[in-house]
Every structure is written in structure tokens, then in C-alpha cells.
Protein backbone atom coordinates (compact mmCIF):
# COMPACT_ATOMS: atom_id res chain seq x y z
CA UNK A 1 53.94 145.77 163.39
CA UNK A 2 53.42 141.91 162.77
CA UNK A 3 49.45 142.25 162.65
CA UNK A 4 50.26 145.62 159.87
CA UNK A 5 52.12 143.55 157.47
CA UNK A 6 49.73 141.87 155.44
CA UNK A 7 47.78 144.63 155.28
CA UNK A 8 50.62 146.63 154.27
CA UNK A 9 51.42 144.58 152.08
CA UNK A 10 47.97 144.43 150.32
CA UNK A 11 47.74 147.80 149.89
CA UNK A 12 50.90 147.51 148.38
CA UNK A 13 50.20 145.03 145.98
CA UNK A 14 46.92 146.80 144.79
CA UNK A 15 49.44 150.32 144.65
CA UNK A 16 51.52 148.19 141.88
CA UNK A 17 48.73 146.94 140.50
CA UNK A 18 46.99 150.03 139.71
CA UNK A 19 50.04 151.15 138.26
CA UNK A 20 50.37 148.50 135.89
CA UNK A 21 47.08 149.42 134.91
CA UNK A 22 47.97 152.53 132.86
CA UNK A 23 50.80 150.43 131.21
CA UNK A 24 48.27 147.87 129.82
CA UNK A 25 46.26 150.46 128.43
CA UNK A 26 48.89 152.27 126.96
CA UNK A 27 50.56 148.87 125.26
CA UNK A 28 46.87 148.08 124.12
CA UNK A 29 46.62 151.89 122.40
CA UNK A 30 49.96 151.27 120.91
CA UNK A 31 48.50 147.48 119.27
CA UNK A 32 49.89 146.27 117.40
CA UNK A 33 53.01 147.02 117.07
CA UNK A 34 54.15 144.70 114.16
CA UNK A 35 52.46 142.88 111.74
CA UNK A 36 49.42 140.92 112.57
CA UNK A 37 49.63 137.12 111.66
CA UNK A 38 46.54 135.69 110.45
CA UNK A 39 45.88 132.01 110.42
CA UNK A 40 44.64 129.96 108.09
CA UNK A 41 43.05 126.47 108.84
CA UNK A 42 42.74 125.89 104.78
CA UNK A 43 44.89 125.77 102.01
CA UNK A 44 45.50 128.76 100.31
CA UNK A 45 42.91 129.99 97.30
CA UNK A 46 39.88 128.34 98.87
CA UNK A 47 36.72 130.78 100.16
CA UNK A 48 38.24 130.76 103.84
CA UNK A 49 41.79 131.91 102.34
CA UNK A 50 40.05 134.44 100.00
CA UNK A 51 38.17 135.70 102.58
CA UNK A 52 40.56 136.29 105.30
CA UNK A 53 42.97 138.10 102.39
CA UNK A 54 40.61 140.59 101.71
CA UNK A 55 39.64 141.25 105.46
CA UNK A 56 42.76 141.42 106.18
CA UNK A 57 43.53 143.97 103.00
CA UNK A 58 40.55 146.16 104.56
CA UNK A 59 41.97 146.59 108.15
CA UNK A 60 45.65 147.22 107.59
CA UNK A 61 45.34 150.28 106.33
CA UNK A 62 43.11 151.10 109.80
CA UNK A 63 45.45 149.45 112.56
CA UNK A 64 48.55 150.77 111.15
CA UNK A 65 50.40 146.94 110.34
CA UNK A 66 50.19 144.58 107.83
CA UNK A 67 47.78 141.22 108.69
CA UNK A 68 49.82 138.56 107.17
CA UNK A 69 47.68 135.21 105.98
CA UNK A 70 49.38 132.06 107.06
CA UNK A 71 48.23 129.17 105.48
CA UNK A 72 48.53 125.76 107.46
CA UNK A 73 45.92 123.33 106.62
CA UNK A 74 45.84 119.55 107.66
CA UNK A 75 43.73 118.15 110.32
CA UNK A 76 40.72 119.58 109.48
CA UNK A 77 42.10 122.99 110.98
CA UNK A 78 42.99 121.24 114.42
CA UNK A 79 47.00 121.93 113.49
CA UNK A 80 45.93 125.58 113.16
CA UNK A 81 43.79 125.89 115.80
CA UNK A 82 45.86 124.11 118.50
CA UNK A 83 49.34 126.76 117.11
CA UNK A 84 46.97 129.67 117.73
CA UNK A 85 45.73 128.46 121.22
CA UNK A 86 50.06 127.96 121.53
CA UNK A 87 50.74 130.94 120.51
CA UNK A 88 51.55 134.61 122.74
CA UNK A 89 47.98 136.82 123.72
CA UNK A 90 48.87 139.68 122.43
CA UNK A 91 46.68 140.29 119.77
CA UNK A 92 49.10 139.88 117.40
CA UNK A 93 48.06 135.87 115.94
CA UNK A 94 44.49 135.93 114.67
CA UNK A 95 42.75 132.94 113.30
CA UNK A 96 39.67 131.77 111.73
CA UNK A 97 37.55 129.55 113.61
CA UNK A 98 33.97 128.92 112.57
CA UNK A 99 31.98 125.62 112.50
CA UNK A 100 34.04 122.97 112.09
CA UNK A 101 37.22 123.69 114.80
CA UNK A 102 34.42 124.81 117.06
CA UNK A 103 31.45 122.91 117.09
CA UNK A 104 32.51 119.51 114.75
CA UNK A 105 35.39 118.91 116.14
CA UNK A 106 35.24 118.55 119.64
CA UNK A 107 32.24 116.10 119.12
CA UNK A 108 34.31 114.28 116.11
CA UNK A 109 37.76 113.74 117.86
CA UNK A 110 38.82 111.65 120.59
CA UNK A 111 41.28 113.98 121.43
CA UNK A 112 42.66 117.59 120.00
CA UNK A 113 45.23 119.80 120.50
CA UNK A 114 43.39 122.70 122.34
CA UNK A 115 40.87 123.30 124.23
CA UNK A 116 37.66 124.52 122.08
CA UNK A 117 36.59 126.48 124.85
CA UNK A 118 39.02 127.74 126.89
CA UNK A 119 41.69 128.22 124.35
CA UNK A 120 40.25 130.73 122.83
CA UNK A 121 38.35 134.35 122.59
CA UNK A 122 35.77 135.36 119.46
CA UNK A 123 36.54 138.36 117.87
CA UNK A 124 33.77 138.33 115.57
CA UNK A 125 31.66 136.27 113.05
CA UNK A 126 33.05 137.24 109.98
CA UNK A 127 31.06 134.93 107.07
CA UNK A 128 28.18 132.17 105.80
CA UNK A 129 29.15 129.51 103.40
CA UNK A 130 26.37 127.93 101.81
CA UNK A 131 26.76 124.42 100.89
CA UNK A 132 24.79 123.00 97.25
CA UNK A 133 24.03 119.51 96.24
CA UNK A 134 26.00 119.07 92.85
CA UNK A 135 26.55 116.25 90.50
CA UNK A 136 28.57 115.71 87.20
CA UNK A 137 27.81 117.89 84.22
CA UNK A 138 27.34 114.35 82.38
CA UNK A 139 24.99 112.78 85.40
CA UNK A 140 22.16 111.58 84.82
CA UNK A 141 20.75 112.17 87.97
CA UNK A 142 18.25 115.37 87.93
CA UNK A 143 17.06 115.85 91.58
CA UNK A 144 17.68 114.99 94.53
CA UNK A 145 14.92 112.00 94.65
CA UNK A 146 16.90 110.71 91.97
CA UNK A 147 20.15 110.83 93.81
CA UNK A 148 18.59 109.09 96.97
CA UNK A 149 16.62 106.43 94.64
CA UNK A 150 19.39 105.26 92.99
CA UNK A 151 21.31 104.92 96.20
CA UNK A 152 18.82 103.34 97.53
CA UNK A 153 18.67 100.87 94.65
CA UNK A 154 22.44 100.00 94.40
CA UNK A 155 23.35 101.08 98.02
CA UNK A 156 26.97 101.79 98.46
CA UNK A 157 28.39 101.48 94.52
CA UNK A 158 27.94 105.69 93.87
CA UNK A 159 30.73 107.60 95.45
CA UNK A 160 30.71 111.05 97.13
CA UNK A 161 33.66 113.32 97.62
CA UNK A 162 34.13 115.84 100.57
CA UNK A 163 36.81 118.34 101.47
CA UNK A 164 37.92 116.17 103.96
CA UNK A 165 36.77 113.87 106.89
CA UNK A 166 34.38 115.89 109.20
CA UNK A 167 34.09 119.03 106.75
CA UNK A 168 30.59 120.56 106.71
CA UNK A 169 30.47 118.96 103.51
CA UNK A 170 30.96 115.61 105.07
CA UNK A 171 28.65 115.64 107.54
CA UNK A 172 26.23 117.33 105.86
CA UNK A 173 26.09 114.26 103.11
CA UNK A 174 25.99 111.81 105.94
CA UNK A 175 22.89 113.57 107.97
CA UNK A 176 21.05 113.68 104.56
CA UNK A 177 22.09 109.64 104.22
CA UNK A 178 20.95 108.90 107.63
CA UNK A 179 17.69 110.83 107.16
CA UNK A 180 16.39 109.45 103.50
CA UNK A 181 18.01 105.54 104.71
CA UNK A 182 20.36 106.19 101.29
CA UNK A 183 23.67 104.70 101.66
CA UNK A 184 26.59 106.22 99.24
CA UNK A 185 30.56 105.75 99.83
CA UNK A 186 32.50 108.94 100.95
CA UNK A 187 35.96 109.83 99.08
CA UNK A 188 37.77 112.84 101.38
CA UNK A 189 40.58 115.19 99.75
CA UNK A 190 42.31 117.36 100.43
CA UNK A 191 40.54 120.44 100.16
CA UNK A 192 37.41 121.85 97.84
CA UNK A 193 39.44 122.33 94.87
CA UNK A 194 40.64 118.63 94.01
CA UNK A 195 36.71 117.63 94.32
CA UNK A 196 35.60 120.20 92.18
CA UNK A 197 38.16 119.34 89.77
CA UNK A 198 37.42 115.42 89.67
CA UNK A 199 34.11 116.13 89.28
CA UNK A 200 34.81 118.41 86.52
CA UNK A 201 36.85 115.48 84.96
CA UNK A 202 33.67 113.09 85.62
CA UNK A 203 35.36 110.82 88.03
CA UNK A 204 33.34 111.83 90.79
CA UNK A 205 29.51 112.18 90.28
CA UNK A 206 27.83 114.06 93.28
CA UNK A 207 29.13 116.15 96.25
CA UNK A 208 28.56 118.87 98.36
CA UNK A 209 30.04 121.79 97.01
CA UNK A 210 30.16 125.63 98.54
CA UNK A 211 28.61 128.18 96.70
CA UNK A 212 32.35 130.46 97.34
CA UNK A 213 34.54 127.36 96.17
CA UNK A 214 32.33 126.23 92.97
CA UNK A 215 29.94 129.60 92.27
CA UNK A 216 31.51 130.03 88.69
CA UNK A 217 31.03 126.30 87.74
CA UNK A 218 27.45 126.12 89.80
CA UNK A 219 26.46 129.07 87.77
CA UNK A 220 27.27 128.49 84.39
CA UNK A 221 26.33 124.84 84.26
CA UNK A 222 29.45 123.04 84.58
CA UNK A 223 28.97 121.61 87.48
CA UNK A 224 24.79 121.18 88.17
CA UNK A 225 23.64 121.72 91.37
CA UNK A 226 20.19 119.63 92.60
CA UNK A 227 19.71 121.30 96.38
CA UNK A 228 21.15 123.68 98.43
CA UNK A 229 21.05 122.79 102.13
CA UNK A 230 19.76 126.15 103.01
CA UNK A 231 16.71 126.94 105.32
CA UNK A 232 15.64 129.06 101.46
CA UNK A 233 16.90 129.12 98.27
CA UNK A 234 19.90 131.26 96.76
CA UNK A 235 18.79 134.48 95.14
CA UNK A 236 22.18 133.61 92.80
CA UNK A 237 20.32 130.26 92.06
CA UNK A 238 16.58 130.92 92.60
CA UNK A 239 15.80 127.67 90.58
CA UNK A 240 17.70 125.55 93.00
CA UNK A 241 15.44 123.94 95.47
CA UNK A 242 15.93 123.11 99.18
CA UNK A 243 16.71 120.69 100.25
CA UNK A 244 13.99 120.63 102.74
CA UNK A 245 11.96 120.97 99.23
CA UNK A 246 12.97 118.79 97.50
CA UNK A 247 13.03 115.45 99.54
CA UNK A 248 10.82 116.94 102.32
CA UNK A 249 13.53 116.71 104.88
CA UNK A 250 11.97 119.27 107.89
CA UNK A 251 14.10 121.07 109.29
CA UNK A 252 17.36 120.14 107.47
CA UNK A 253 19.75 122.68 106.97
CA UNK A 254 23.19 122.86 106.91
CA UNK A 255 26.14 125.28 106.39
CA UNK A 256 29.39 126.82 107.22
CA UNK A 257 30.38 129.88 109.49
CA UNK A 258 33.34 131.66 110.21
CA UNK A 259 34.78 134.15 112.55
CA UNK A 260 38.01 135.60 113.83
CA UNK A 261 39.36 134.28 117.82
CA UNK A 262 42.29 134.45 119.46
CA UNK A 263 44.72 133.03 121.91
CA UNK A 264 42.46 133.36 125.75
CA UNK A 265 44.64 135.77 127.82
CA UNK A 266 44.83 138.57 124.91
CA UNK A 267 43.99 141.51 126.74
CA UNK A 268 40.17 142.92 126.54
CA UNK A 269 41.13 146.53 125.09
CA UNK A 270 43.58 144.69 121.76
CA UNK A 271 40.04 142.34 121.47
CA UNK A 272 37.77 145.15 121.25
CA UNK A 273 40.14 146.90 118.88
CA UNK A 274 40.27 144.00 116.84
CA UNK A 275 36.35 143.82 116.92
CA UNK A 276 35.93 147.50 115.99
CA UNK A 277 38.69 147.29 112.95
CA UNK A 278 36.74 143.99 111.26
CA UNK A 279 33.45 145.10 111.76
CA UNK A 280 33.80 148.42 110.60
CA UNK A 281 35.90 146.18 107.46
CA UNK A 282 32.45 144.12 107.04
CA UNK A 283 30.54 147.23 106.40
CA UNK A 284 32.36 148.86 103.58
CA UNK A 285 30.54 148.50 100.60
CA UNK A 286 33.62 146.95 98.55
CA UNK A 287 34.15 144.80 100.79
CA UNK A 288 30.63 143.02 101.03
CA UNK A 289 30.40 143.23 97.24
CA UNK A 290 33.62 141.37 96.49
CA UNK A 291 31.97 138.75 99.50
CA UNK A 292 28.71 138.39 98.10
CA UNK A 293 30.48 137.51 94.44
CA UNK A 294 32.64 134.84 95.74
CA UNK A 295 29.15 133.63 97.22
CA UNK A 296 29.56 134.57 100.60
CA UNK A 297 26.66 136.03 103.44
CA UNK A 298 28.48 138.54 105.65
CA UNK A 299 28.10 138.06 108.87
CA UNK A 300 27.86 140.73 111.68
CA UNK A 301 28.06 140.09 115.60
CA UNK A 302 30.60 140.41 117.92
CA UNK A 303 31.78 138.17 120.38
CA UNK A 304 28.73 137.49 122.42
CA UNK A 305 26.81 137.04 118.93
CA UNK A 306 29.62 134.49 118.14
CA UNK A 307 29.42 132.64 121.16
CA UNK A 308 25.80 132.31 120.62
CA UNK A 309 25.72 130.88 117.57
CA UNK A 310 28.30 128.24 118.35
CA UNK A 311 26.39 127.21 121.45
CA UNK A 312 23.34 127.32 118.96
CA UNK A 313 24.51 124.82 116.50
CA UNK A 314 26.15 122.35 118.78
CA UNK A 315 22.56 121.74 120.21
CA UNK A 316 22.10 120.58 116.65
CA UNK A 317 24.99 119.11 115.71
CA UNK A 318 26.54 117.21 119.08
CA UNK A 319 23.67 115.02 119.23
CA UNK A 320 23.68 114.56 114.86
CA UNK A 321 27.35 113.15 115.26
CA UNK A 322 26.60 111.00 117.72
CA UNK A 323 23.66 109.62 116.01
CA UNK A 324 26.37 108.96 112.96
CA UNK A 325 28.78 107.49 114.80
CA UNK A 326 31.39 109.28 113.37
CA UNK A 327 34.54 109.44 115.51
CA UNK A 328 37.96 110.27 114.23
CA UNK A 329 41.42 110.00 115.74
């Protein structure tokens, strides 16, 4: 009798587990049962926020529930990421995460309120943001070479603005300065909008501006883009050279990419459902057209592609960040 007890208990446990599987599958089929909270680690009105609202509106009819955008800016997306990691893993909380949260921050910060490798599951990729080296309209700088020459002639006297410490814009500029030997003084802002506003007002002369945030003023010449940090020129700005062309910097490429993640223990069927609905939304003509209009490249790819891109960019950026000696608290 005693010898048989472990076997019997194991069998009963197996039956119980088997009984739970249909229930779990049923819950996944019923998902979502209430509005889905979409956390965005940036202020309202920026490119990330606009994209989340665009995709949320496209996904809501298929899901049968509203996707409610919740802006939680601060600490270079770390506050929003930490809140997501602590959320119930039932698919009713999703988070816009990308190169800043999952590639830069683990290399920049001594301590994070989340584990970037253990606290999230990727749903899929959404978009790429292009970065343009930009000067104010009345600047005497006419090219990237002019900027580097002036920065070397009077090192540290020229300021550049960025949306914040550790942002893609900040790291792109620091990489450019390191590779050219130039020196500018960094002025971090809280978001891209105030950087653009100060450049329009003539207070700030130069900075990397993402095309999504500055498309209108970059396209009409209100601000002057002098180089793009992408591998090729942008179709919307065909006369703006790449940094590689303008400065001869081999393989210089800097951009931001984003995707959607959920808390780590979110069930497979729920993740699969979200991935399916999001992929379908990204294929809608009106969604893709709007993304192009606001300066975004639509990205396609599920969890595997998300992880592959994250790993590839860590291999590129972690040594660069280490060489720059930037550490944030």
C-alpha cells in the first residue's frame, strides 16, 4: 500500500493537470475579458504614443475589447517597464518596449526595476524610427563635416539636445562624437518635443531628431537635417546624405526600433492571439500608410524575430556603451 501511494498520487496529479488544460485553453479563447491596458513609457503626442494609439485602434475591433493607452513616462522607460513586469500575466497589460528598454538600459544602468531577460515575453515588432542629425534653420552649419570641424575648433562650446539620458538620440550623438573626435556638450530634455521647440526658438543649435517626431519641420526646412543615421538615405529626404556618406564613418548606423511585450508568465495561447491580431493590424493598408506618413518604417516579425533583433543590437551597442563610459543611476 505504501509503495503504491507515490504512483497513485502522481497519477492523480497528472489527471488534475490534464483537467486544467481545457480550462486554460478556454480562458485563452475568451481573452480578452476586459479592456487591455497598453503602457507607453513616453509622453502623449510623441511617435511612440501615436503608434500605440494607431495599432490599439486597429486591434480593438478584432479583440472585442478596447486597448487603452496609458502613458507612464520617466527614467528612460524604466518606470513603465517595471510596472509591466509586476502586472498580472493574463494578457490584459501590454507594453511598448524596444532598443532603449531592452538593449541600452541593461548596459547603462547599475540597477533596473525589472529583469530584461526574465520579466517579459515578446509579442512582436512594430516599427523603426529614423534619426536625423539636425541643425536650427539659421545655423551657419551646412553639413556634418561643418559640425565636426566647429566642434573640434571650439570643443565643448556647442550644445546638443536629446530627449533624455540614454535615449537613442543621445547615444547616437555620443557615438558620432567618439568616432570623429569632436566634442559637444549634452543637454538632456524630457522628451523630443521640447528639443524641437528649443531648436525652433533658436535656443538649441543641433541634435539628433527622430523623423517621426520632427517630420513636418524637417520636410519643410524649418529645421535642417544634415545627415541621417540610417544605412541608406530616406525616400522622403533623398538629398540628405547618410552619416556614412557625409563623414566616411564605416558602418555607422543608429536608429530606434520598438515592439510589444507582455509579462513573462502570460500564457502561450494569449501571446499567440495578441501576436496574430497585431500582425494583422500592421498589414492593414491604412495603418501602414499612416505609419509612413508619420515617418515610421513598419516592422513585421513575431517573438523569434524580436529576440533575434534584440540580441544583434546588444552585440553592437553594449561594447559601444562600455567604451563611452556612460553609467546611469
